N, C-alpha and C. Protein backbone atom coordinates (compact mmCIF):
# COMPACT_ATOMS: atom_id res chain seq x y z
N MET A 1 55.04 2.99 73.98
CA MET A 1 54.79 4.14 73.28
C MET A 1 53.65 4.88 73.94
N LYS A 2 53.66 6.21 74.59
CA LYS A 2 52.96 7.00 75.39
C LYS A 2 51.23 7.20 74.20
N ARG A 3 50.45 7.00 74.59
CA ARG A 3 49.24 7.15 73.92
C ARG A 3 48.40 8.57 73.92
N ILE A 4 48.37 9.23 72.40
CA ILE A 4 47.90 10.62 72.70
C ILE A 4 46.03 10.81 73.51
N ASN A 5 46.15 11.35 74.43
CA ASN A 5 45.15 11.60 74.88
C ASN A 5 43.87 13.04 74.26
N ILE A 6 43.44 12.43 73.78
CA ILE A 6 42.50 13.71 73.41
C ILE A 6 41.14 14.29 73.92
N THR A 7 40.61 14.86 74.79
CA THR A 7 39.07 14.83 74.97
C THR A 7 38.22 15.81 74.78
N ILE A 8 37.10 15.68 73.61
CA ILE A 8 36.55 16.17 72.65
C ILE A 8 34.97 16.63 73.99
N ASP A 9 35.67 17.81 73.95
CA ASP A 9 33.89 18.30 75.19
C ASP A 9 32.75 19.13 74.44
N LEU A 10 31.62 18.72 74.06
CA LEU A 10 30.43 19.08 72.90
C LEU A 10 29.58 19.73 73.81
N LYS A 11 29.90 19.52 75.09
CA LYS A 11 28.58 20.14 76.41
C LYS A 11 28.77 21.12 76.92
N GLY A 12 27.95 22.64 76.51
CA GLY A 12 28.49 23.54 77.39
C GLY A 12 27.18 23.78 78.02
N SER A 13 27.56 25.05 78.74
CA SER A 13 26.50 25.09 80.01
C SER A 13 25.26 25.84 79.66
N THR A 14 24.88 26.02 78.13
CA THR A 14 23.64 26.56 77.91
C THR A 14 23.45 25.63 76.23
N PRO A 15 22.55 25.31 75.70
CA PRO A 15 21.75 24.92 74.64
C PRO A 15 22.85 25.78 73.39
N THR A 16 22.85 26.79 73.66
CA THR A 16 23.28 27.72 72.24
C THR A 16 24.94 27.46 72.21
N GLU A 17 25.47 27.19 74.14
CA GLU A 17 26.85 27.12 73.99
C GLU A 17 27.23 25.38 73.37
N SER A 18 26.27 24.73 73.50
CA SER A 18 26.67 23.39 72.72
C SER A 18 26.50 23.12 71.68
N LEU A 19 25.67 24.06 71.21
CA LEU A 19 25.14 24.04 69.44
C LEU A 19 26.81 24.94 68.72
N ALA A 20 27.27 25.86 69.74
CA ALA A 20 28.33 26.40 69.08
C ALA A 20 29.60 25.24 69.14
N LYS A 21 29.42 24.85 70.07
CA LYS A 21 30.86 24.04 70.02
C LYS A 21 30.88 22.77 69.13
N LEU A 22 29.44 21.95 69.01
CA LEU A 22 29.27 21.05 68.01
C LEU A 22 29.76 21.52 66.23
N ILE A 23 29.26 23.17 66.40
CA ILE A 23 29.45 23.48 64.86
C ILE A 23 31.20 24.10 64.42
N SER A 24 31.74 24.38 66.10
CA SER A 24 33.38 24.51 65.66
C SER A 24 33.55 23.10 65.21
N PHE A 25 33.29 22.12 65.57
CA PHE A 25 33.95 20.86 65.77
C PHE A 25 33.41 20.40 64.55
N ILE A 26 32.52 20.37 64.32
CA ILE A 26 32.22 19.66 62.56
C ILE A 26 32.82 20.88 61.77
N PHE A 27 32.76 21.76 61.48
CA PHE A 27 33.30 22.82 60.71
C PHE A 27 34.58 22.97 61.14
N ASN A 28 35.55 22.32 61.47
CA ASN A 28 37.41 22.50 62.14
C ASN A 28 38.27 22.78 60.94
N PRO A 29 39.16 23.57 60.57
CA PRO A 29 39.71 23.80 59.55
C PRO A 29 40.23 22.57 58.92
N TYR A 30 40.35 21.23 59.03
CA TYR A 30 40.73 20.11 58.25
C TYR A 30 39.62 19.41 58.02
N SER A 31 38.29 19.94 58.48
CA SER A 31 37.10 18.85 57.92
C SER A 31 36.88 19.56 56.66
N MET A 32 37.00 21.33 56.63
CA MET A 32 36.61 21.74 55.51
C MET A 32 37.03 21.58 54.50
N ALA A 33 38.31 20.89 54.14
CA ALA A 33 39.39 20.77 52.88
C ALA A 33 38.35 19.24 52.08
N LEU A 34 37.20 18.91 52.97
CA LEU A 34 36.36 17.90 52.90
C LEU A 34 35.62 18.60 51.79
N ALA A 35 35.61 19.84 51.22
CA ALA A 35 34.80 20.20 50.14
C ALA A 35 35.49 19.84 49.07
N LEU A 36 37.06 19.69 49.01
CA LEU A 36 37.64 19.29 47.69
C LEU A 36 37.34 17.90 46.89
N ILE A 37 36.52 17.50 47.78
CA ILE A 37 36.03 16.03 46.99
C ILE A 37 34.54 16.34 46.19
N PRO A 38 33.92 17.69 46.06
CA PRO A 38 32.70 17.61 45.15
C PRO A 38 33.74 18.44 44.07
N ILE A 39 34.62 19.25 44.27
CA ILE A 39 35.51 19.81 43.65
C ILE A 39 36.10 19.16 42.43
N SER A 40 36.68 18.09 42.98
CA SER A 40 37.26 16.94 42.11
C SER A 40 36.77 16.48 41.36
N MET A 41 35.18 16.24 41.62
CA MET A 41 34.31 15.14 40.44
C MET A 41 33.91 16.12 39.44
N ARG A 42 34.62 17.59 39.42
CA ARG A 42 34.26 18.72 38.75
C ARG A 42 35.02 18.49 37.74
N ASP A 43 36.31 17.81 37.94
CA ASP A 43 37.37 17.83 36.96
C ASP A 43 37.55 16.37 36.36
N GLY A 44 36.13 15.35 37.13
CA GLY A 44 36.52 14.06 36.32
C GLY A 44 37.11 13.48 37.36
N ASN A 45 37.69 13.33 38.44
CA ASN A 45 38.40 12.11 39.09
C ASN A 45 38.34 12.65 40.85
N VAL A 46 37.62 12.05 41.06
CA VAL A 46 37.55 12.31 42.73
C VAL A 46 39.00 12.01 43.40
N GLY A 47 39.87 10.95 42.77
CA GLY A 47 41.12 10.45 43.27
C GLY A 47 42.00 12.36 43.09
N PHE A 48 41.86 13.14 42.91
CA PHE A 48 42.43 14.45 42.58
C PHE A 48 42.07 15.29 44.08
N SER A 49 41.23 14.87 44.62
CA SER A 49 40.86 15.24 45.94
C SER A 49 41.79 14.64 46.83
N LEU A 50 42.12 13.80 46.63
CA LEU A 50 43.12 12.62 47.69
C LEU A 50 44.06 13.03 47.19
N LEU A 51 45.05 13.72 46.54
CA LEU A 51 46.18 14.25 46.15
C LEU A 51 45.86 15.42 47.14
N ALA A 52 45.00 16.10 46.48
CA ALA A 52 44.85 17.93 47.21
C ALA A 52 45.10 17.56 49.15
N MET A 53 44.18 16.65 49.06
CA MET A 53 44.03 17.10 50.94
C MET A 53 45.48 16.18 51.35
N LEU A 54 46.02 15.45 50.68
CA LEU A 54 47.33 14.74 51.33
C LEU A 54 48.37 16.13 51.33
N SER A 55 48.37 16.75 50.30
CA SER A 55 49.07 17.98 50.03
C SER A 55 48.95 18.44 51.03
N LEU A 56 47.92 18.88 51.74
CA LEU A 56 47.40 20.17 52.49
C LEU A 56 47.38 19.71 53.83
N ALA A 57 46.79 18.64 54.04
CA ALA A 57 47.06 18.64 55.86
C ALA A 57 47.76 17.58 56.48
N LEU A 58 48.35 16.51 55.48
CA LEU A 58 48.99 15.35 56.36
C LEU A 58 50.04 16.10 57.28
N ALA A 59 50.91 16.45 56.62
CA ALA A 59 52.20 16.81 57.45
C ALA A 59 51.86 17.81 58.58
N PRO A 60 51.03 18.98 57.85
CA PRO A 60 50.42 19.36 59.44
C PRO A 60 49.46 19.11 60.23
N LEU A 61 49.34 17.69 59.55
CA LEU A 61 47.89 17.14 61.05
C LEU A 61 49.05 16.89 61.92
N LEU A 62 49.54 15.96 61.25
CA LEU A 62 50.67 14.89 62.11
C LEU A 62 52.03 15.68 63.17
N LYS A 63 51.84 17.23 62.64
CA LYS A 63 53.25 17.81 63.17
C LYS A 63 52.05 18.31 64.70
N HIS A 64 50.64 18.82 63.94
CA HIS A 64 49.27 19.43 65.13
C HIS A 64 49.54 18.08 66.31
N MET A 65 49.21 16.41 66.16
CA MET A 65 48.81 15.66 66.74
C MET A 65 50.24 15.41 68.10
N HIS A 66 51.31 15.76 67.32
CA HIS A 66 52.81 15.75 67.99
C HIS A 66 53.00 16.73 68.94
N GLY A 67 52.55 17.74 68.61
CA GLY A 67 52.71 18.96 69.98
C GLY A 67 51.64 19.04 70.74
N VAL A 68 50.17 17.91 70.57
CA VAL A 68 49.39 18.08 71.33
C VAL A 68 50.14 17.01 72.47
N HIS A 69 50.70 15.82 71.96
CA HIS A 69 50.92 14.64 72.25
C HIS A 69 52.37 14.82 73.45
N LYS A 70 52.66 15.87 72.94
CA LYS A 70 54.03 16.20 73.65
C LYS A 70 53.54 17.49 74.71
N GLY A 71 52.73 17.99 74.33
CA GLY A 71 51.92 19.13 75.11
C GLY A 71 52.65 20.41 75.16
N PHE A 72 52.66 20.74 73.74
CA PHE A 72 53.67 22.10 73.53
C PHE A 72 52.15 22.78 72.95
N TRP A 73 51.43 22.73 72.96
CA TRP A 73 49.84 23.60 72.73
C TRP A 73 48.77 22.17 73.28
N ASP A 74 47.58 22.84 73.12
CA ASP A 74 46.53 22.46 73.21
C ASP A 74 45.47 22.00 71.75
N LEU A 75 44.47 21.33 71.64
CA LEU A 75 43.87 20.77 70.12
C LEU A 75 43.80 22.17 69.37
N ASP A 76 43.19 23.05 70.23
CA ASP A 76 42.98 24.67 69.56
C ASP A 76 44.30 25.02 69.09
N ILE A 77 45.19 24.90 69.40
CA ILE A 77 46.31 25.78 69.70
C ILE A 77 45.92 27.18 70.08
N SER A 78 45.11 26.86 71.57
CA SER A 78 45.06 28.69 71.59
C SER A 78 46.16 29.49 71.59
N ASP A 79 47.35 29.95 71.94
CA ASP A 79 47.88 30.55 71.76
C ASP A 79 48.44 30.61 70.22
N TYR A 80 48.54 31.72 69.94
CA TYR A 80 48.19 31.99 68.37
C TYR A 80 49.61 32.31 68.03
N ARG A 81 50.96 32.16 68.49
CA ARG A 81 52.09 32.52 67.87
C ARG A 81 52.76 31.35 68.25
N LYS A 82 52.07 29.89 68.26
CA LYS A 82 52.40 28.80 68.28
C LYS A 82 51.82 28.52 66.52
N ARG A 83 50.91 28.84 65.85
CA ARG A 83 50.58 28.53 65.46
C ARG A 83 51.56 28.60 63.37
N PRO A 84 51.93 29.60 63.59
CA PRO A 84 52.64 29.85 62.54
C PRO A 84 53.41 29.02 61.76
N SER A 85 54.15 28.08 62.60
CA SER A 85 54.82 26.51 61.97
C SER A 85 54.01 25.44 61.18
N ILE A 86 52.71 25.61 61.38
CA ILE A 86 51.87 24.30 61.24
C ILE A 86 51.50 25.07 59.82
N LEU A 87 51.13 26.39 59.91
CA LEU A 87 50.70 26.72 59.01
C LEU A 87 50.79 27.12 57.42
N LEU A 88 52.13 27.38 57.70
CA LEU A 88 53.33 27.66 57.16
C LEU A 88 53.45 26.02 56.40
N LEU A 89 54.11 25.24 56.84
CA LEU A 89 53.87 23.62 56.59
C LEU A 89 52.51 23.75 55.54
N SER A 90 51.22 24.03 56.13
CA SER A 90 50.29 23.45 55.01
C SER A 90 50.60 24.19 53.83
N GLY A 91 50.96 25.61 54.06
CA GLY A 91 50.76 26.26 52.85
C GLY A 91 52.15 25.83 51.95
N LEU A 92 52.86 25.16 51.93
CA LEU A 92 54.59 25.21 51.36
C LEU A 92 53.66 23.78 50.88
N THR A 93 53.49 22.55 51.57
CA THR A 93 53.16 21.24 50.75
C THR A 93 51.80 21.80 49.86
N GLY A 94 50.85 22.68 50.12
CA GLY A 94 49.82 22.33 49.68
C GLY A 94 49.94 23.55 48.26
N ILE A 95 50.98 23.89 48.00
CA ILE A 95 51.59 24.52 46.97
C ILE A 95 52.19 23.68 46.04
N LEU A 96 52.69 22.98 46.56
CA LEU A 96 53.27 22.05 45.53
C LEU A 96 52.22 20.82 45.30
N GLY A 97 51.54 20.47 46.13
CA GLY A 97 50.45 19.71 45.61
C GLY A 97 49.12 20.04 44.52
N SER A 98 49.29 21.61 44.78
CA SER A 98 48.51 22.34 43.93
C SER A 98 49.26 22.63 42.37
N TYR A 99 50.59 22.45 42.16
CA TYR A 99 51.35 22.39 40.78
C TYR A 99 51.05 21.23 40.52
N LEU A 100 51.17 20.27 40.88
CA LEU A 100 50.92 18.92 40.72
C LEU A 100 49.81 18.52 40.31
N LEU A 101 48.86 19.23 40.80
CA LEU A 101 47.18 18.84 40.07
C LEU A 101 47.32 19.46 38.96
N PHE A 102 48.29 20.63 39.19
CA PHE A 102 47.92 21.59 37.68
C PHE A 102 48.53 21.67 36.52
N LEU A 103 49.69 20.06 36.26
CA LEU A 103 50.05 19.24 35.67
C LEU A 103 49.33 18.27 34.85
N LEU A 104 48.54 17.91 35.74
CA LEU A 104 47.62 16.79 35.86
C LEU A 104 46.38 17.51 34.86
N ASN A 105 46.44 18.65 34.62
CA ASN A 105 45.11 19.50 34.18
C ASN A 105 43.53 19.41 35.20
N ALA A 106 43.83 19.44 36.73
CA ALA A 106 43.02 19.15 37.55
C ALA A 106 42.71 20.79 37.35
N LYS A 107 42.22 21.28 37.05
CA LYS A 107 42.28 23.10 36.89
C LYS A 107 41.09 23.04 38.15
N TYR A 108 40.52 22.48 38.36
CA TYR A 108 39.30 23.30 39.77
C TYR A 108 39.86 22.90 40.67
N THR A 109 40.36 21.10 40.91
CA THR A 109 41.20 21.06 42.17
C THR A 109 42.45 21.80 42.15
N SER A 110 43.09 22.20 41.25
CA SER A 110 44.47 22.60 41.39
C SER A 110 44.18 24.21 42.18
N LEU A 111 43.32 25.19 41.44
CA LEU A 111 43.21 26.21 41.98
C LEU A 111 42.63 25.98 43.73
N ALA A 112 41.34 25.37 44.05
CA ALA A 112 41.22 24.88 45.15
C ALA A 112 42.11 25.03 46.22
N THR A 113 43.28 24.25 45.87
CA THR A 113 44.29 23.49 46.57
C THR A 113 45.11 24.63 47.09
N LEU A 114 45.42 25.78 46.29
CA LEU A 114 46.30 26.52 45.79
C LEU A 114 45.64 27.91 46.91
N LEU A 115 44.55 28.11 47.22
CA LEU A 115 43.59 28.87 47.70
C LEU A 115 44.04 28.56 49.06
N TYR A 116 43.84 26.80 49.49
CA TYR A 116 43.77 26.95 50.83
C TYR A 116 45.33 27.20 51.16
N ALA A 117 46.15 27.17 50.51
CA ALA A 117 47.53 26.63 50.64
C ALA A 117 48.10 28.69 51.30
N THR A 118 47.58 29.20 49.95
CA THR A 118 48.24 30.73 49.98
C THR A 118 47.35 31.65 51.04
N THR A 119 46.33 31.28 51.75
CA THR A 119 45.19 31.31 52.69
C THR A 119 46.27 31.26 53.76
N GLY A 120 46.82 30.09 53.76
CA GLY A 120 47.49 29.28 55.49
C GLY A 120 49.02 30.04 55.42
N LEU A 121 49.79 30.51 53.99
CA LEU A 121 51.24 31.13 54.40
C LEU A 121 50.62 33.21 54.19
N VAL A 122 49.61 33.50 54.35
CA VAL A 122 48.99 34.32 54.67
C VAL A 122 48.76 34.17 56.34
N ALA A 123 48.15 33.43 56.67
CA ALA A 123 47.91 33.30 58.26
C ALA A 123 48.45 33.10 58.99
N ALA A 124 49.45 31.93 58.44
CA ALA A 124 50.95 32.18 59.36
C ALA A 124 51.78 33.29 58.93
N VAL A 125 51.59 34.15 58.78
CA VAL A 125 52.34 35.44 58.69
C VAL A 125 51.46 36.38 59.48
N ALA A 126 50.41 36.55 59.30
CA ALA A 126 49.50 37.30 60.37
C ALA A 126 49.79 36.50 61.75
N SER A 127 49.51 35.49 62.01
CA SER A 127 49.59 34.92 63.34
C SER A 127 50.85 34.98 63.91
N LYS A 128 51.32 35.73 63.34
CA LYS A 128 52.72 36.43 64.12
C LYS A 128 52.73 37.44 65.43
N TYR A 129 51.44 38.02 64.91
CA TYR A 129 51.09 39.55 65.38
C TYR A 129 49.58 39.38 65.75
N VAL A 130 48.52 38.60 65.47
CA VAL A 130 47.56 39.28 65.87
C VAL A 130 46.72 37.10 65.93
N LYS A 131 45.70 37.23 66.42
CA LYS A 131 45.22 35.73 67.07
C LYS A 131 43.72 35.64 65.97
N VAL A 132 44.50 35.50 64.49
CA VAL A 132 43.41 34.88 63.46
C VAL A 132 42.20 33.98 63.46
N SER A 133 41.40 34.33 63.36
CA SER A 133 40.45 32.95 63.37
C SER A 133 40.35 31.92 62.30
N ILE A 134 41.17 31.02 62.48
CA ILE A 134 41.35 30.17 61.26
C ILE A 134 40.38 29.40 60.51
N HIS A 135 39.18 28.79 61.54
CA HIS A 135 37.95 28.78 61.36
C HIS A 135 37.22 29.33 60.34
N VAL A 136 37.26 30.91 60.86
CA VAL A 136 36.83 31.51 59.58
C VAL A 136 37.26 31.77 58.60
N ALA A 137 38.65 32.16 58.71
CA ALA A 137 39.72 32.25 57.29
C ALA A 137 39.42 30.89 56.57
N THR A 138 39.26 29.49 56.86
CA THR A 138 39.09 28.47 56.00
C THR A 138 37.67 28.50 55.39
N ALA A 139 36.86 29.05 56.38
CA ALA A 139 35.59 28.75 55.72
C ALA A 139 35.29 29.74 54.87
N SER A 140 35.90 30.83 54.81
CA SER A 140 35.62 31.51 53.74
C SER A 140 36.64 31.70 52.51
N ILE A 141 37.57 30.69 52.85
CA ILE A 141 37.93 30.48 51.50
C ILE A 141 37.98 28.87 50.72
N THR A 142 37.13 28.71 51.56
CA THR A 142 36.03 27.91 50.81
C THR A 142 34.66 27.52 50.46
N THR A 143 34.53 28.80 50.73
CA THR A 143 33.36 29.58 49.81
C THR A 143 34.04 30.00 48.64
N VAL A 144 34.93 30.67 48.28
CA VAL A 144 35.56 31.22 47.03
C VAL A 144 35.65 29.94 46.49
N ALA A 145 36.47 28.80 46.75
CA ALA A 145 36.59 27.83 45.74
C ALA A 145 35.53 27.06 45.29
N LEU A 146 34.55 26.93 45.87
CA LEU A 146 33.38 25.91 45.68
C LEU A 146 32.56 27.13 44.60
N ALA A 147 32.67 28.85 44.98
CA ALA A 147 31.96 29.32 44.13
C ALA A 147 32.77 29.35 42.77
N TYR A 148 33.94 29.38 42.77
CA TYR A 148 34.76 29.38 41.69
C TYR A 148 34.38 28.06 40.67
N THR A 149 33.75 26.96 41.01
CA THR A 149 33.57 25.62 40.86
C THR A 149 32.65 25.45 40.36
N PHE A 150 31.46 25.83 41.32
CA PHE A 150 30.28 25.50 40.78
C PHE A 150 29.06 26.64 40.50
N GLY A 151 29.61 28.13 40.40
CA GLY A 151 29.11 29.33 40.56
C GLY A 151 28.66 29.72 41.78
N LYS A 152 27.72 31.02 41.41
CA LYS A 152 27.02 31.70 42.34
C LYS A 152 26.14 31.35 43.51
N TRP A 153 25.55 30.31 43.07
CA TRP A 153 24.06 29.64 43.87
C TRP A 153 24.90 29.44 45.22
N VAL A 154 26.64 28.79 44.93
CA VAL A 154 26.87 28.31 45.93
C VAL A 154 26.82 29.29 46.99
N LEU A 155 26.85 30.25 46.90
CA LEU A 155 27.05 31.65 48.04
C LEU A 155 25.84 32.00 48.63
N ALA A 156 24.36 31.05 48.42
CA ALA A 156 23.40 31.13 48.93
C ALA A 156 23.57 30.16 50.50
N ILE A 157 24.65 29.34 50.30
CA ILE A 157 24.71 28.52 50.79
C ILE A 157 25.32 28.20 52.04
N ALA A 158 26.66 28.89 51.45
CA ALA A 158 28.40 28.65 51.98
C ALA A 158 28.50 30.60 53.15
N VAL A 159 27.77 31.18 51.91
CA VAL A 159 28.29 32.73 53.02
C VAL A 159 26.73 32.39 54.80
N PRO A 160 26.09 32.12 54.67
CA PRO A 160 25.52 31.78 55.85
C PRO A 160 26.13 30.64 56.64
N LEU A 161 26.84 29.37 56.04
CA LEU A 161 27.34 28.84 56.53
C LEU A 161 28.81 29.65 57.49
N THR A 162 29.14 30.31 56.69
CA THR A 162 30.42 30.62 57.26
C THR A 162 30.27 31.69 58.53
N VAL A 163 28.97 32.49 58.17
CA VAL A 163 28.34 33.02 59.16
C VAL A 163 28.32 32.70 60.37
N LEU A 164 27.76 31.17 60.07
CA LEU A 164 27.16 30.53 61.81
C LEU A 164 28.30 30.21 61.95
N ILE A 165 29.38 29.83 61.33
CA ILE A 165 30.74 29.48 61.64
C ILE A 165 31.39 30.45 62.45
N ALA A 166 31.56 31.79 62.35
CA ALA A 166 31.92 32.84 62.71
C ALA A 166 31.15 33.08 63.92
N TRP A 167 30.14 33.04 64.28
CA TRP A 167 28.92 33.03 65.02
C TRP A 167 28.96 31.95 66.47
N SER A 168 29.62 30.62 66.13
CA SER A 168 30.36 29.63 66.85
C SER A 168 31.38 30.00 67.77
N ARG A 169 32.13 30.92 67.05
CA ARG A 169 33.62 31.15 67.70
C ARG A 169 33.34 32.38 68.36
N LEU A 170 32.83 33.60 68.31
CA LEU A 170 32.45 34.35 69.00
C LEU A 170 31.43 34.09 70.53
N ARG A 171 30.28 33.20 70.26
CA ARG A 171 29.89 32.70 71.41
C ARG A 171 30.61 31.64 72.56
N LEU A 172 31.89 31.52 71.63
CA LEU A 172 32.48 30.52 72.71
C LEU A 172 33.18 31.64 73.10
N ARG A 173 33.57 32.64 72.64
CA ARG A 173 34.55 33.64 73.06
C ARG A 173 36.07 33.09 72.66
N ALA A 174 36.29 32.62 71.37
CA ALA A 174 37.41 31.55 71.52
C ALA A 174 37.94 32.76 70.44
N HIS A 175 36.93 33.97 69.90
CA HIS A 175 38.00 34.86 69.16
C HIS A 175 36.61 36.43 69.31
N THR A 176 37.34 37.33 69.23
CA THR A 176 37.13 38.79 69.31
C THR A 176 35.93 38.53 67.87
N PRO A 177 35.12 39.95 67.93
CA PRO A 177 35.02 40.80 66.40
C PRO A 177 35.81 40.79 65.76
N LEU A 178 36.85 41.65 65.96
CA LEU A 178 38.02 41.75 65.34
C LEU A 178 38.51 41.05 64.78
N GLU A 179 39.24 39.40 64.92
CA GLU A 179 40.21 38.38 65.13
C GLU A 179 39.06 37.60 63.79
N VAL A 180 37.90 37.89 64.18
CA VAL A 180 37.08 37.12 63.20
C VAL A 180 36.94 37.46 61.64
N SER A 181 37.23 39.10 61.95
CA SER A 181 37.41 40.13 60.33
C SER A 181 38.66 39.49 59.77
N GLU A 182 39.51 39.36 60.78
CA GLU A 182 40.72 39.17 60.37
C GLU A 182 40.72 38.01 59.71
N GLY A 183 40.18 36.89 60.26
CA GLY A 183 39.90 35.85 59.37
C GLY A 183 39.65 35.95 58.09
N ILE A 184 38.45 36.39 57.70
CA ILE A 184 37.90 36.80 56.25
C ILE A 184 39.09 37.49 56.02
N SER A 185 39.59 38.80 56.11
CA SER A 185 40.67 39.35 55.24
C SER A 185 42.12 38.84 55.20
N VAL A 186 42.53 37.44 56.10
CA VAL A 186 43.24 36.47 55.48
C VAL A 186 43.07 35.47 54.37
N ALA A 187 41.61 35.70 54.14
CA ALA A 187 41.02 34.71 53.03
C ALA A 187 41.23 35.48 51.51
N GLY A 188 40.56 36.91 52.18
CA GLY A 188 40.64 38.14 51.02
C GLY A 188 42.10 38.08 50.38
N VAL A 189 42.77 37.89 51.27
CA VAL A 189 44.35 38.36 50.74
C VAL A 189 44.83 37.25 50.08
N GLY A 190 44.61 35.80 50.87
CA GLY A 190 45.34 34.37 49.76
C GLY A 190 44.37 34.31 48.89
N SER A 191 43.24 34.04 48.30
CA SER A 191 42.67 34.18 47.19
C SER A 191 43.15 35.21 46.02
N THR A 192 43.47 36.20 46.26
CA THR A 192 44.39 37.11 45.53
C THR A 192 45.63 36.56 44.87
N LEU A 193 46.05 36.05 46.60
CA LEU A 193 48.01 35.93 46.21
C LEU A 193 47.22 34.31 45.15
N ALA A 194 46.32 33.74 45.36
CA ALA A 194 46.70 32.32 44.42
C ALA A 194 46.60 32.63 43.07
N PHE A 195 45.14 33.43 43.37
CA PHE A 195 45.14 33.76 41.41
C PHE A 195 46.34 34.57 40.59
N ILE A 196 47.16 35.07 41.20
CA ILE A 196 48.39 35.83 40.87
C ILE A 196 49.30 34.40 40.96
N ILE A 197 49.40 33.86 41.57
CA ILE A 197 50.14 32.57 41.31
C ILE A 197 50.41 31.80 40.31
N MET A 198 48.76 31.44 40.25
CA MET A 198 47.71 30.47 39.29
C MET A 198 48.41 30.69 37.79
N MET A 199 47.87 32.54 37.30
CA MET A 199 48.46 33.48 36.45
C MET A 199 49.59 33.67 35.93
N TYR A 200 50.39 33.64 36.79
CA TYR A 200 51.95 34.55 36.64
C TYR A 200 52.83 33.63 36.87
N ILE A 201 52.54 32.76 37.70
CA ILE A 201 53.47 31.69 37.97
C ILE A 201 53.57 30.37 37.34
N PHE A 202 52.41 29.82 37.65
CA PHE A 202 52.03 28.43 37.24
C PHE A 202 52.23 28.08 35.43
N SER A 203 51.93 29.27 34.98
CA SER A 203 51.66 29.35 33.55
C SER A 203 53.38 29.18 33.61
N HIS A 204 54.13 29.42 33.53
CA HIS A 204 55.62 30.06 32.90
C HIS A 204 55.98 28.66 33.09
N PHE A 205 55.47 27.40 33.91
CA PHE A 205 56.08 26.24 34.42
C PHE A 205 55.14 25.09 33.97
N HIS A 206 54.85 25.24 32.88
CA HIS A 206 53.70 24.41 32.32
C HIS A 206 54.60 22.91 31.37
N VAL A 207 54.08 22.35 31.55
CA VAL A 207 54.37 21.00 30.57
C VAL A 207 53.77 20.78 29.09
N GLY A 208 54.45 20.72 28.14
CA GLY A 208 53.49 19.98 26.82
C GLY A 208 52.95 21.18 26.45
N VAL A 209 51.46 20.76 26.19
CA VAL A 209 50.39 21.51 25.66
C VAL A 209 50.11 22.15 26.56
N LEU A 210 49.63 22.07 27.91
CA LEU A 210 49.03 22.39 29.20
C LEU A 210 49.27 24.21 28.92
N THR A 211 48.17 24.76 29.26
CA THR A 211 48.59 26.60 29.36
C THR A 211 47.32 26.64 30.21
N ILE A 212 47.81 27.79 30.72
CA ILE A 212 46.99 28.42 31.98
C ILE A 212 45.41 28.73 31.42
N GLU A 213 44.95 29.29 29.40
CA GLU A 213 43.88 29.28 29.30
C GLU A 213 43.19 27.46 29.57
N GLN A 214 44.05 27.14 29.72
CA GLN A 214 43.32 25.67 29.58
C GLN A 214 42.76 25.33 31.60
N THR A 215 43.76 25.85 31.85
CA THR A 215 43.32 25.63 33.53
C THR A 215 42.59 26.66 34.23
N LEU A 216 42.02 27.80 33.59
CA LEU A 216 41.38 28.84 33.91
C LEU A 216 40.14 29.05 33.46
N GLY A 217 40.56 28.60 32.12
CA GLY A 217 38.87 28.63 31.17
C GLY A 217 37.71 27.61 31.36
N ALA A 218 36.55 27.88 31.14
CA ALA A 218 35.48 27.26 31.17
C ALA A 218 35.69 25.92 30.78
């Protein structure tokens, strides 16, 4: 069986480039899903985060690594036209996971999972036409999820971190300012879509006494 050889180069030609590479590597779209762990603790069961992360990332990650192994794309999938299939897969499986969490009354984890999923779907559509910064889109939607769960004080940490991630992508010339802005826009559309699905679709397919008020209520 052929082994997958992935080389991660974190050394840049300047200190700022090395820093940018490190930031991009640490806060990649997959690792940002770790925010689901504290969010699930707000629901009282850290196991919810495992279900959420599996639904969002397992199938896409396997497809991603298979593509790298076969040479279909590089680790960053630099050719944005090859990204839609992975993003679409994450979105669809994420919605299923979110609905299951909804039924389990994991209101914060369910919404956070849905936020990631819908942003993935929007990014999949956008990536057919433009090179969206998935790093920035994921960081932006993580900010929304954390702020909804823990309150506005989170913005004091999450917003500067998102700006730092955006800077890293620009510093590495992985994206243009327009593509970074498109990442933020994708997150905005994704978050709007998530709340619409939660309020008008999930609420009509509940089980027993579970209601939308229980899910979105404080």
